[in-house]
Amino acid sequence: GALPDHSREVIILRHLEGLSFPEVAERM
């Protein structure tokens, strides 16, 4: 919650939602 929005989003997508880097790139 203390991170900037884009930093928080990439961590959530990659680690907690389990997306691949290409999938994260598409989502963001």
mmCIF file of all heavy atoms, coordinates in Angstrom:
data_MODEL
# 
_entry.id   MODEL 
# 
loop_
_atom_site.group_PDB 
_atom_site.id 
_atom_site.type_symbol 
_atom_site.label_atom_id 
_atom_site.label_alt_id 
_atom_site.label_comp_id 
_atom_site.label_asym_id 
_atom_site.label_entity_id 
_atom_site.label_seq_id 
_atom_site.pdbx_PDB_ins_code 
_atom_site.Cartn_x 
_atom_site.Cartn_y 
_atom_site.Cartn_z 
_atom_site.occupancy 
_atom_site.B_iso_or_equiv 
_atom_site.pdbx_formal_charge 
_atom_site.auth_seq_id 
_atom_site.auth_comp_id 
_atom_site.auth_asym_id 
_atom_site.auth_atom_id 
_atom_site.pdbx_PDB_model_num 
ATOM 1   N N   . GLY A 1 1  ? 0.799  -1.215  0.000   1.00 0.00 ? 1  GLY A N   1 
ATOM 2   C CA  . GLY A 1 1  ? 0.000  0.000   0.000   1.00 0.00 ? 1  GLY A CA  1 
ATOM 3   C C   . GLY A 1 1  ? 0.832  1.266   0.000   1.00 0.00 ? 1  GLY A C   1 
ATOM 4   O O   . GLY A 1 1  ? 0.357  2.321   -0.429  1.00 0.00 ? 1  GLY A O   1 
ATOM 5   N N   . ALA A 1 2  ? 2.082  1.155   0.470   1.00 0.00 ? 2  ALA A N   1 
ATOM 6   C CA  . ALA A 1 2  ? 2.963  2.327   0.529   1.00 0.00 ? 2  ALA A CA  1 
ATOM 7   C C   . ALA A 1 2  ? 3.701  2.571   -0.786  1.00 0.00 ? 2  ALA A C   1 
ATOM 8   O O   . ALA A 1 2  ? 4.333  3.615   -0.951  1.00 0.00 ? 2  ALA A O   1 
ATOM 9   C CB  . ALA A 1 2  ? 3.983  2.154   1.661   1.00 0.00 ? 2  ALA A CB  1 
ATOM 10  N N   . LEU A 1 3  ? 3.614  1.622   -1.728  1.00 0.00 ? 3  LEU A N   1 
ATOM 11  C CA  . LEU A 1 3  ? 4.314  1.769   -2.996  1.00 0.00 ? 3  LEU A CA  1 
ATOM 12  C C   . LEU A 1 3  ? 3.519  2.633   -3.970  1.00 0.00 ? 3  LEU A C   1 
ATOM 13  O O   . LEU A 1 3  ? 2.292  2.728   -3.876  1.00 0.00 ? 3  LEU A O   1 
ATOM 14  C CB  . LEU A 1 3  ? 4.538  0.391   -3.637  1.00 0.00 ? 3  LEU A CB  1 
ATOM 15  C CG  . LEU A 1 3  ? 5.433  -0.607  -2.905  1.00 0.00 ? 3  LEU A CG  1 
ATOM 16  C CD1 . LEU A 1 3  ? 5.510  -1.900  -3.711  1.00 0.00 ? 3  LEU A CD1 1 
ATOM 17  C CD2 . LEU A 1 3  ? 6.819  -0.044  -2.668  1.00 0.00 ? 3  LEU A CD2 1 
ATOM 18  N N   . PRO A 1 4  ? 4.205  3.240   -4.943  1.00 0.00 ? 4  PRO A N   1 
ATOM 19  C CA  . PRO A 1 4  ? 3.473  3.916   -6.037  1.00 0.00 ? 4  PRO A CA  1 
ATOM 20  C C   . PRO A 1 4  ? 2.580  2.912   -6.760  1.00 0.00 ? 4  PRO A C   1 
ATOM 21  O O   . PRO A 1 4  ? 2.861  1.701   -6.780  1.00 0.00 ? 4  PRO A O   1 
ATOM 22  C CB  . PRO A 1 4  ? 4.605  4.414   -6.955  1.00 0.00 ? 4  PRO A CB  1 
ATOM 23  C CG  . PRO A 1 4  ? 5.814  4.464   -6.083  1.00 0.00 ? 4  PRO A CG  1 
ATOM 24  C CD  . PRO A 1 4  ? 5.663  3.357   -5.081  1.00 0.00 ? 4  PRO A CD  1 
ATOM 25  N N   . ASP A 1 5  ? 1.528  3.419   -7.381  1.00 0.00 ? 5  ASP A N   1 
ATOM 26  C CA  . ASP A 1 5  ? 0.531  2.538   -7.998  1.00 0.00 ? 5  ASP A CA  1 
ATOM 27  C C   . ASP A 1 5  ? 1.147  1.554   -8.985  1.00 0.00 ? 5  ASP A C   1 
ATOM 28  O O   . ASP A 1 5  ? 0.822  0.362   -8.966  1.00 0.00 ? 5  ASP A O   1 
ATOM 29  C CB  . ASP A 1 5  ? -0.535 3.371   -8.716  1.00 0.00 ? 5  ASP A CB  1 
ATOM 30  C CG  . ASP A 1 5  ? -1.420 4.138   -7.750  1.00 0.00 ? 5  ASP A CG  1 
ATOM 31  O OD1 . ASP A 1 5  ? -1.390 3.828   -6.542  1.00 0.00 ? 5  ASP A OD1 1 
ATOM 32  O OD2 . ASP A 1 5  ? -2.144 5.043   -8.204  1.00 0.00 ? 5  ASP A OD2 1 
ATOM 33  N N   . HIS A 1 6  ? 2.014  2.021   -9.879  1.00 0.00 ? 6  HIS A N   1 
ATOM 34  C CA  . HIS A 1 6  ? 2.557  1.140   -10.916 1.00 0.00 ? 6  HIS A CA  1 
ATOM 35  C C   . HIS A 1 6  ? 3.485  0.075   -10.319 1.00 0.00 ? 6  HIS A C   1 
ATOM 36  O O   . HIS A 1 6  ? 3.523  -1.060  -10.798 1.00 0.00 ? 6  HIS A O   1 
ATOM 37  C CB  . HIS A 1 6  ? 3.286  1.946   -11.996 1.00 0.00 ? 6  HIS A CB  1 
ATOM 38  C CG  . HIS A 1 6  ? 4.406  2.784   -11.478 1.00 0.00 ? 6  HIS A CG  1 
ATOM 39  N ND1 . HIS A 1 6  ? 4.211  3.988   -10.850 1.00 0.00 ? 6  HIS A ND1 1 
ATOM 40  C CD2 . HIS A 1 6  ? 5.756  2.580   -11.502 1.00 0.00 ? 6  HIS A CD2 1 
ATOM 41  C CE1 . HIS A 1 6  ? 5.379  4.499   -10.506 1.00 0.00 ? 6  HIS A CE1 1 
ATOM 42  N NE2 . HIS A 1 6  ? 6.328  3.672   -10.882 1.00 0.00 ? 6  HIS A NE2 1 
ATOM 43  N N   . SER A 1 7  ? 4.202  0.435   -9.248  1.00 0.00 ? 7  SER A N   1 
ATOM 44  C CA  . SER A 1 7  ? 5.066  -0.549  -8.588  1.00 0.00 ? 7  SER A CA  1 
ATOM 45  C C   . SER A 1 7  ? 4.235  -1.618  -7.892  1.00 0.00 ? 7  SER A C   1 
ATOM 46  O O   . SER A 1 7  ? 4.549  -2.819  -7.956  1.00 0.00 ? 7  SER A O   1 
ATOM 47  C CB  . SER A 1 7  ? 5.983  0.147   -7.573  1.00 0.00 ? 7  SER A CB  1 
ATOM 48  O OG  . SER A 1 7  ? 6.852  1.052   -8.208  1.00 0.00 ? 7  SER A OG  1 
ATOM 49  N N   . ARG A 1 8  ? 3.193  -1.187  -7.212  1.00 0.00 ? 8  ARG A N   1 
ATOM 50  C CA  . ARG A 1 8  ? 2.306  -2.143  -6.540  1.00 0.00 ? 8  ARG A CA  1 
ATOM 51  C C   . ARG A 1 8  ? 1.641  -3.067  -7.565  1.00 0.00 ? 8  ARG A C   1 
ATOM 52  O O   . ARG A 1 8  ? 1.544  -4.283  -7.359  1.00 0.00 ? 8  ARG A O   1 
ATOM 53  C CB  . ARG A 1 8  ? 1.247  -1.381  -5.738  1.00 0.00 ? 8  ARG A CB  1 
ATOM 54  C CG  . ARG A 1 8  ? 0.263  -2.285  -5.015  1.00 0.00 ? 8  ARG A CG  1 
ATOM 55  C CD  . ARG A 1 8  ? -0.589 -1.502  -4.046  1.00 0.00 ? 8  ARG A CD  1 
ATOM 56  N NE  . ARG A 1 8  ? -1.352 -0.445  -4.696  1.00 0.00 ? 8  ARG A NE  1 
ATOM 57  C CZ  . ARG A 1 8  ? -1.096 0.858   -4.584  1.00 0.00 ? 8  ARG A CZ  1 
ATOM 58  N NH1 . ARG A 1 8  ? -0.089 1.286   -3.848  1.00 0.00 ? 8  ARG A NH1 1 
ATOM 59  N NH2 . ARG A 1 8  ? -1.849 1.748   -5.213  1.00 0.00 ? 8  ARG A NH2 1 
ATOM 60  N N   . GLU A 1 9  ? 1.206  -2.497  -8.674  1.00 0.00 ? 9  GLU A N   1 
ATOM 61  C CA  . GLU A 1 9  ? 0.494  -3.281  -9.683  1.00 0.00 ? 9  GLU A CA  1 
ATOM 62  C C   . GLU A 1 9  ? 1.373  -4.377  -10.276 1.00 0.00 ? 9  GLU A C   1 
ATOM 63  O O   . GLU A 1 9  ? 0.934  -5.523  -10.424 1.00 0.00 ? 9  GLU A O   1 
ATOM 64  C CB  . GLU A 1 9  ? 0.010  -2.348  -10.800 1.00 0.00 ? 9  GLU A CB  1 
ATOM 65  C CG  . GLU A 1 9  ? -0.847 -3.021  -11.861 1.00 0.00 ? 9  GLU A CG  1 
ATOM 66  C CD  . GLU A 1 9  ? -2.226 -3.412  -11.383 1.00 0.00 ? 9  GLU A CD  1 
ATOM 67  O OE1 . GLU A 1 9  ? -2.592 -3.059  -10.237 1.00 0.00 ? 9  GLU A OE1 1 
ATOM 68  O OE2 . GLU A 1 9  ? -2.945 -4.081  -12.142 1.00 0.00 ? 9  GLU A OE2 1 
ATOM 69  N N   . VAL A 1 10 ? 2.619  -4.046  -10.613 1.00 0.00 ? 10 VAL A N   1 
ATOM 70  C CA  . VAL A 1 10 ? 3.467  -5.048  -11.245 1.00 0.00 ? 10 VAL A CA  1 
ATOM 71  C C   . VAL A 1 10 ? 3.769  -6.196  -10.285 1.00 0.00 ? 10 VAL A C   1 
ATOM 72  O O   . VAL A 1 10 ? 3.833  -7.372  -10.691 1.00 0.00 ? 10 VAL A O   1 
ATOM 73  C CB  . VAL A 1 10 ? 4.772  -4.406  -11.787 1.00 0.00 ? 10 VAL A CB  1 
ATOM 74  C CG1 . VAL A 1 10 ? 5.746  -4.053  -10.663 1.00 0.00 ? 10 VAL A CG1 1 
ATOM 75  C CG2 . VAL A 1 10 ? 5.443  -5.330  -12.807 1.00 0.00 ? 10 VAL A CG2 1 
ATOM 76  N N   . ILE A 1 11 ? 3.909  -5.909  -8.998  1.00 0.00 ? 11 ILE A N   1 
ATOM 77  C CA  . ILE A 1 11 ? 4.173  -6.969  -8.019  1.00 0.00 ? 11 ILE A CA  1 
ATOM 78  C C   . ILE A 1 11 ? 2.942  -7.848  -7.829  1.00 0.00 ? 11 ILE A C   1 
ATOM 79  O O   . ILE A 1 11 ? 3.034  -9.081  -7.779  1.00 0.00 ? 11 ILE A O   1 
ATOM 80  C CB  . ILE A 1 11 ? 4.631  -6.357  -6.683  1.00 0.00 ? 11 ILE A CB  1 
ATOM 81  C CG1 . ILE A 1 11 ? 6.038  -5.766  -6.841  1.00 0.00 ? 11 ILE A CG1 1 
ATOM 82  C CG2 . ILE A 1 11 ? 4.627  -7.408  -5.577  1.00 0.00 ? 11 ILE A CG2 1 
ATOM 83  C CD1 . ILE A 1 11 ? 6.534  -5.022  -5.638  1.00 0.00 ? 11 ILE A CD1 1 
ATOM 84  N N   . ILE A 1 12 ? 1.784  -7.224  -7.730  1.00 0.00 ? 12 ILE A N   1 
ATOM 85  C CA  . ILE A 1 12 ? 0.551  -8.004  -7.558  1.00 0.00 ? 12 ILE A CA  1 
ATOM 86  C C   . ILE A 1 12 ? 0.315  -8.909  -8.762  1.00 0.00 ? 12 ILE A C   1 
ATOM 87  O O   . ILE A 1 12 ? 0.020  -10.103 -8.614  1.00 0.00 ? 12 ILE A O   1 
ATOM 88  C CB  . ILE A 1 12 ? -0.652 -7.066  -7.335  1.00 0.00 ? 12 ILE A CB  1 
ATOM 89  C CG1 . ILE A 1 12 ? -0.559 -6.409  -5.952  1.00 0.00 ? 12 ILE A CG1 1 
ATOM 90  C CG2 . ILE A 1 12 ? -1.965 -7.845  -7.454  1.00 0.00 ? 12 ILE A CG2 1 
ATOM 91  C CD1 . ILE A 1 12 ? -1.622 -5.364  -5.696  1.00 0.00 ? 12 ILE A CD1 1 
ATOM 92  N N   . LEU A 1 13 ? 0.453  -8.353  -9.955  1.00 0.00 ? 13 LEU A N   1 
ATOM 93  C CA  . LEU A 1 13 ? 0.204  -9.145  -11.164 1.00 0.00 ? 13 LEU A CA  1 
ATOM 94  C C   . LEU A 1 13 ? 1.207  -10.290 -11.301 1.00 0.00 ? 13 LEU A C   1 
ATOM 95  O O   . LEU A 1 13 ? 0.831  -11.421 -11.633 1.00 0.00 ? 13 LEU A O   1 
ATOM 96  C CB  . LEU A 1 13 ? 0.269  -8.245  -12.401 1.00 0.00 ? 13 LEU A CB  1 
ATOM 97  C CG  . LEU A 1 13 ? -0.846 -7.205  -12.539 1.00 0.00 ? 13 LEU A CG  1 
ATOM 98  C CD1 . LEU A 1 13 ? -0.593 -6.317  -13.754 1.00 0.00 ? 13 LEU A CD1 1 
ATOM 99  C CD2 . LEU A 1 13 ? -2.214 -7.867  -12.640 1.00 0.00 ? 13 LEU A CD2 1 
ATOM 100 N N   . ARG A 1 14 ? 2.469  -9.994  -11.022 1.00 0.00 ? 14 ARG A N   1 
ATOM 101 C CA  . ARG A 1 14 ? 3.518  -11.004 -11.232 1.00 0.00 ? 14 ARG A CA  1 
ATOM 102 C C   . ARG A 1 14 ? 3.520  -12.060 -10.142 1.00 0.00 ? 14 ARG A C   1 
ATOM 103 O O   . ARG A 1 14 ? 3.577  -13.262 -10.421 1.00 0.00 ? 14 ARG A O   1 
ATOM 104 C CB  . ARG A 1 14 ? 4.891  -10.308 -11.281 1.00 0.00 ? 14 ARG A CB  1 
ATOM 105 C CG  . ARG A 1 14 ? 6.052  -11.269 -11.475 1.00 0.00 ? 14 ARG A CG  1 
ATOM 106 C CD  . ARG A 1 14 ? 6.105  -11.796 -12.892 1.00 0.00 ? 14 ARG A CD  1 
ATOM 107 N NE  . ARG A 1 14 ? 7.253  -12.693 -13.053 1.00 0.00 ? 14 ARG A NE  1 
ATOM 108 C CZ  . ARG A 1 14 ? 7.138  -13.979 -13.349 1.00 0.00 ? 14 ARG A CZ  1 
ATOM 109 N NH1 . ARG A 1 14 ? 5.942  -14.517 -13.539 1.00 0.00 ? 14 ARG A NH1 1 
ATOM 110 N NH2 . ARG A 1 14 ? 8.206  -14.729 -13.494 1.00 0.00 ? 14 ARG A NH2 1 
ATOM 111 N N   . HIS A 1 15 ? 3.453  -11.649 -8.882  1.00 0.00 ? 15 HIS A N   1 
ATOM 112 C CA  . HIS A 1 15 ? 3.639  -12.589 -7.774  1.00 0.00 ? 15 HIS A CA  1 
ATOM 113 C C   . HIS A 1 15 ? 2.338  -13.124 -7.194  1.00 0.00 ? 15 HIS A C   1 
ATOM 114 O O   . HIS A 1 15 ? 2.277  -14.294 -6.797  1.00 0.00 ? 15 HIS A O   1 
ATOM 115 C CB  . HIS A 1 15 ? 4.453  -11.933 -6.658  1.00 0.00 ? 15 HIS A CB  1 
ATOM 116 C CG  . HIS A 1 15 ? 5.891  -11.742 -7.016  1.00 0.00 ? 15 HIS A CG  1 
ATOM 117 N ND1 . HIS A 1 15 ? 6.845  -12.711 -6.829  1.00 0.00 ? 15 HIS A ND1 1 
ATOM 118 C CD2 . HIS A 1 15 ? 6.533  -10.694 -7.566  1.00 0.00 ? 15 HIS A CD2 1 
ATOM 119 C CE1 . HIS A 1 15 ? 8.017  -12.269 -7.242  1.00 0.00 ? 15 HIS A CE1 1 
ATOM 120 N NE2 . HIS A 1 15 ? 7.857  -11.044 -7.699  1.00 0.00 ? 15 HIS A NE2 1 
ATOM 121 N N   . LEU A 1 16 ? 1.331  -12.282 -7.084  1.00 0.00 ? 16 LEU A N   1 
ATOM 122 C CA  . LEU A 1 16 ? 0.109  -12.719 -6.403  1.00 0.00 ? 16 LEU A CA  1 
ATOM 123 C C   . LEU A 1 16 ? -0.960 -13.224 -7.363  1.00 0.00 ? 16 LEU A C   1 
ATOM 124 O O   . LEU A 1 16 ? -1.743 -14.100 -7.013  1.00 0.00 ? 16 LEU A O   1 
ATOM 125 C CB  . LEU A 1 16 ? -0.437 -11.576 -5.544  1.00 0.00 ? 16 LEU A CB  1 
ATOM 126 C CG  . LEU A 1 16 ? 0.530  -11.092 -4.465  1.00 0.00 ? 16 LEU A CG  1 
ATOM 127 C CD1 . LEU A 1 16 ? -0.093 -9.963  -3.638  1.00 0.00 ? 16 LEU A CD1 1 
ATOM 128 C CD2 . LEU A 1 16 ? 0.950  -12.233 -3.548  1.00 0.00 ? 16 LEU A CD2 1 
ATOM 129 N N   . GLU A 1 17 ? -0.988 -12.686 -8.576  1.00 0.00 ? 17 GLU A N   1 
ATOM 130 C CA  . GLU A 1 17 ? -1.909 -13.220 -9.582  1.00 0.00 ? 17 GLU A CA  1 
ATOM 131 C C   . GLU A 1 17 ? -1.211 -14.236 -10.487 1.00 0.00 ? 17 GLU A C   1 
ATOM 132 O O   . GLU A 1 17 ? -1.862 -14.926 -11.262 1.00 0.00 ? 17 GLU A O   1 
ATOM 133 C CB  . GLU A 1 17 ? -2.534 -12.095 -10.402 1.00 0.00 ? 17 GLU A CB  1 
ATOM 134 C CG  . GLU A 1 17 ? -3.447 -11.198 -9.571  1.00 0.00 ? 17 GLU A CG  1 
ATOM 135 C CD  . GLU A 1 17 ? -4.279 -10.257 -10.410 1.00 0.00 ? 17 GLU A CD  1 
ATOM 136 O OE1 . GLU A 1 17 ? -4.431 -10.492 -11.625 1.00 0.00 ? 17 GLU A OE1 1 
ATOM 137 O OE2 . GLU A 1 17 ? -4.806 -9.279  -9.843  1.00 0.00 ? 17 GLU A OE2 1 
ATOM 138 N N   . GLY A 1 18 ? 0.129  -14.304 -10.393 1.00 0.00 ? 18 GLY A N   1 
ATOM 139 C CA  . GLY A 1 18 ? 0.877  -15.343 -11.094 1.00 0.00 ? 18 GLY A CA  1 
ATOM 140 C C   . GLY A 1 18 ? 0.976  -15.181 -12.591 1.00 0.00 ? 18 GLY A C   1 
ATOM 141 O O   . GLY A 1 18 ? 1.142  -16.181 -13.314 1.00 0.00 ? 18 GLY A O   1 
ATOM 142 N N   . LEU A 1 19 ? 0.884  -13.946 -13.102 1.00 0.00 ? 19 LEU A N   1 
ATOM 143 C CA  . LEU A 1 19 ? 0.968  -13.737 -14.545 1.00 0.00 ? 19 LEU A CA  1 
ATOM 144 C C   . LEU A 1 19 ? 2.417  -13.783 -15.019 1.00 0.00 ? 19 LEU A C   1 
ATOM 145 O O   . LEU A 1 19 ? 3.342  -13.449 -14.286 1.00 0.00 ? 19 LEU A O   1 
ATOM 146 C CB  . LEU A 1 19 ? 0.361  -12.384 -14.918 1.00 0.00 ? 19 LEU A CB  1 
ATOM 147 C CG  . LEU A 1 19 ? -1.111 -12.148 -14.558 1.00 0.00 ? 19 LEU A CG  1 
ATOM 148 C CD1 . LEU A 1 19 ? -1.588 -10.815 -15.124 1.00 0.00 ? 19 LEU A CD1 1 
ATOM 149 C CD2 . LEU A 1 19 ? -1.997 -13.288 -15.051 1.00 0.00 ? 19 LEU A CD2 1 
ATOM 150 N N   . SER A 1 20 ? 2.617  -14.181 -16.271 1.00 0.00 ? 20 SER A N   1 
ATOM 151 C CA  . SER A 1 20 ? 3.945  -14.147 -16.882 1.00 0.00 ? 20 SER A CA  1 
ATOM 152 C C   . SER A 1 20 ? 4.298  -12.702 -17.219 1.00 0.00 ? 20 SER A C   1 
ATOM 153 O O   . SER A 1 20 ? 3.425  -11.822 -17.246 1.00 0.00 ? 20 SER A O   1 
ATOM 154 C CB  . SER A 1 20 ? 3.955  -14.989 -18.159 1.00 0.00 ? 20 SER A CB  1 
ATOM 155 O OG  . SER A 1 20 ? 3.108  -14.389 -19.137 1.00 0.00 ? 20 SER A OG  1 
ATOM 156 N N   . PHE A 1 21 ? 5.566  -12.449 -17.512 1.00 0.00 ? 21 PHE A N   1 
ATOM 157 C CA  . PHE A 1 21 ? 5.961  -11.090 -17.880 1.00 0.00 ? 21 PHE A CA  1 
ATOM 158 C C   . PHE A 1 21 ? 5.224  -10.595 -19.131 1.00 0.00 ? 21 PHE A C   1 
ATOM 159 O O   . PHE A 1 21 ? 4.774  -9.433  -19.159 1.00 0.00 ? 21 PHE A O   1 
ATOM 160 C CB  . PHE A 1 21 ? 7.476  -10.995 -18.067 1.00 0.00 ? 21 PHE A CB  1 
ATOM 161 C CG  . PHE A 1 21 ? 8.228  -10.880 -16.773 1.00 0.00 ? 21 PHE A CG  1 
ATOM 162 C CD1 . PHE A 1 21 ? 9.152  -11.843 -16.404 1.00 0.00 ? 21 PHE A CD1 1 
ATOM 163 C CD2 . PHE A 1 21 ? 8.011  -9.806  -15.922 1.00 0.00 ? 21 PHE A CD2 1 
ATOM 164 C CE1 . PHE A 1 21 ? 9.843  -11.739 -15.198 1.00 0.00 ? 21 PHE A CE1 1 
ATOM 165 C CE2 . PHE A 1 21 ? 8.697  -9.696  -14.714 1.00 0.00 ? 21 PHE A CE2 1 
ATOM 166 C CZ  . PHE A 1 21 ? 9.615  -10.669 -14.352 1.00 0.00 ? 21 PHE A CZ  1 
ATOM 167 N N   . PRO A 1 22 ? 5.062  -11.424 -20.172 1.00 0.00 ? 22 PRO A N   1 
ATOM 168 C CA  . PRO A 1 22 ? 4.282  -10.945 -21.317 1.00 0.00 ? 22 PRO A CA  1 
ATOM 169 C C   . PRO A 1 22 ? 2.838  -10.593 -20.942 1.00 0.00 ? 22 PRO A C   1 
ATOM 170 O O   . PRO A 1 22 ? 2.279  -9.609  -21.438 1.00 0.00 ? 22 PRO A O   1 
ATOM 171 C CB  . PRO A 1 22 ? 4.333  -12.118 -22.296 1.00 0.00 ? 22 PRO A CB  1 
ATOM 172 C CG  . PRO A 1 22 ? 5.604  -12.839 -21.961 1.00 0.00 ? 22 PRO A CG  1 
ATOM 173 C CD  . PRO A 1 22 ? 5.714  -12.716 -20.463 1.00 0.00 ? 22 PRO A CD  1 
ATOM 174 N N   . GLU A 1 23 ? 2.239  -11.388 -20.057 1.00 0.00 ? 23 GLU A N   1 
ATOM 175 C CA  . GLU A 1 23 ? 0.866  -11.108 -19.628 1.00 0.00 ? 23 GLU A CA  1 
ATOM 176 C C   . GLU A 1 23 ? 0.799  -9.822  -18.810 1.00 0.00 ? 23 GLU A C   1 
ATOM 177 O O   . GLU A 1 23 ? -0.146 -9.028  -18.952 1.00 0.00 ? 23 GLU A O   1 
ATOM 178 C CB  . GLU A 1 23 ? 0.325  -12.290 -18.818 1.00 0.00 ? 23 GLU A CB  1 
ATOM 179 C CG  . GLU A 1 23 ? 0.066  -13.537 -19.642 1.00 0.00 ? 23 GLU A CG  1 
ATOM 180 C CD  . GLU A 1 23 ? -0.221 -14.754 -18.797 1.00 0.00 ? 23 GLU A CD  1 
ATOM 181 O OE1 . GLU A 1 23 ? 0.299  -14.846 -17.655 1.00 0.00 ? 23 GLU A OE1 1 
ATOM 182 O OE2 . GLU A 1 23 ? -0.968 -15.630 -19.270 1.00 0.00 ? 23 GLU A OE2 1 
ATOM 183 N N   . VAL A 1 24 ? 1.788  -9.618  -17.939 1.00 0.00 ? 24 VAL A N   1 
ATOM 184 C CA  . VAL A 1 24 ? 1.835  -8.382  -17.147 1.00 0.00 ? 24 VAL A CA  1 
ATOM 185 C C   . VAL A 1 24 ? 1.985  -7.183  -18.077 1.00 0.00 ? 24 VAL A C   1 
ATOM 186 O O   . VAL A 1 24 ? 1.327  -6.155  -17.903 1.00 0.00 ? 24 VAL A O   1 
ATOM 187 C CB  . VAL A 1 24 ? 2.987  -8.420  -16.122 1.00 0.00 ? 24 VAL A CB  1 
ATOM 188 C CG1 . VAL A 1 24 ? 3.104  -7.075  -15.414 1.00 0.00 ? 24 VAL A CG1 1 
ATOM 189 C CG2 . VAL A 1 24 ? 2.766  -9.533  -15.107 1.00 0.00 ? 24 VAL A CG2 1 
ATOM 190 N N   . ALA A 1 25 ? 2.864  -7.318  -19.078 1.00 0.00 ? 25 ALA A N   1 
ATOM 191 C CA  . ALA A 1 25 ? 3.084  -6.224  -20.021 1.00 0.00 ? 25 ALA A CA  1 
ATOM 192 C C   . ALA A 1 25 ? 1.789  -5.860  -20.749 1.00 0.00 ? 25 ALA A C   1 
ATOM 193 O O   . ALA A 1 25 ? 1.457  -4.678  -20.909 1.00 0.00 ? 25 ALA A O   1 
ATOM 194 C CB  . ALA A 1 25 ? 4.167  -6.617  -21.030 1.00 0.00 ? 25 ALA A CB  1 
ATOM 195 N N   . GLU A 1 26 ? 1.045  -6.890  -21.167 1.00 0.00 ? 26 GLU A N   1 
ATOM 196 C CA  . GLU A 1 26 ? -0.219 -6.642  -21.859 1.00 0.00 ? 26 GLU A CA  1 
ATOM 197 C C   . GLU A 1 26 ? -1.225 -5.962  -20.934 1.00 0.00 ? 26 GLU A C   1 
ATOM 198 O O   . GLU A 1 26 ? -1.907 -5.015  -21.331 1.00 0.00 ? 26 GLU A O   1 
ATOM 199 C CB  . GLU A 1 26 ? -0.793 -7.959  -22.381 1.00 0.00 ? 26 GLU A CB  1 
ATOM 200 C CG  . GLU A 1 26 ? -2.096 -7.782  -23.158 1.00 0.00 ? 26 GLU A CG  1 
ATOM 201 C CD  . GLU A 1 26 ? -2.619 -9.096  -23.707 1.00 0.00 ? 26 GLU A CD  1 
ATOM 202 O OE1 . GLU A 1 26 ? -1.949 -10.139 -23.531 1.00 0.00 ? 26 GLU A OE1 1 
ATOM 203 O OE2 . GLU A 1 26 ? -3.704 -9.083  -24.308 1.00 0.00 ? 26 GLU A OE2 1 
ATOM 204 N N   . ARG A 1 27 ? -1.305 -6.438  -19.703 1.00 0.00 ? 27 ARG A N   1 
ATOM 205 C CA  . ARG A 1 27 ? -2.265 -5.872  -18.741 1.00 0.00 ? 27 ARG A CA  1 
ATOM 206 C C   . ARG A 1 27 ? -1.934 -4.408  -18.437 1.00 0.00 ? 27 ARG A C   1 
ATOM 207 O O   . ARG A 1 27 ? -2.835 -3.587  -18.284 1.00 0.00 ? 27 ARG A O   1 
ATOM 208 C CB  . ARG A 1 27 ? -2.250 -6.693  -17.458 1.00 0.00 ? 27 ARG A CB  1 
ATOM 209 C CG  . ARG A 1 27 ? -3.213 -6.235  -16.365 1.00 0.00 ? 27 ARG A CG  1 
ATOM 210 C CD  . ARG A 1 27 ? -4.634 -6.680  -16.626 1.00 0.00 ? 27 ARG A CD  1 
ATOM 211 N NE  . ARG A 1 27 ? -4.767 -8.108  -16.448 1.00 0.00 ? 27 ARG A NE  1 
ATOM 212 C CZ  . ARG A 1 27 ? -5.030 -8.703  -15.276 1.00 0.00 ? 27 ARG A CZ  1 
ATOM 213 N NH1 . ARG A 1 27 ? -5.162 -7.956  -14.179 1.00 0.00 ? 27 ARG A NH1 1 
ATOM 214 N NH2 . ARG A 1 27 ? -5.169 -10.003 -15.199 1.00 0.00 ? 27 ARG A NH2 1 
ATOM 215 N N   . MET A 1 28 ? -0.643 -4.093  -18.343 1.00 0.00 ? 28 MET A N   1 
ATOM 216 C CA  . MET A 1 28 ? -0.234 -2.748  -17.956 1.00 0.00 ? 28 MET A CA  1 
ATOM 217 C C   . MET A 1 28 ? -0.004 -1.821  -19.148 1.00 0.00 ? 28 MET A C   1 
ATOM 218 O O   . MET A 1 28 ? 0.263  -0.632  -18.963 1.00 0.00 ? 28 MET A O   1 
ATOM 219 C CB  . MET A 1 28 ? 1.034  -2.816  -17.095 1.00 0.00 ? 28 MET A CB  1 
ATOM 220 C CG  . MET A 1 28 ? 0.854  -3.541  -15.776 1.00 0.00 ? 28 MET A CG  1 
ATOM 221 S SD  . MET A 1 28 ? 2.316  -3.416  -14.691 1.00 0.00 ? 28 MET A SD  1 
ATOM 222 C CE  . MET A 1 28 ? 2.200  -1.682  -14.178 1.00 0.00 ? 28 MET A CE  1 
# 
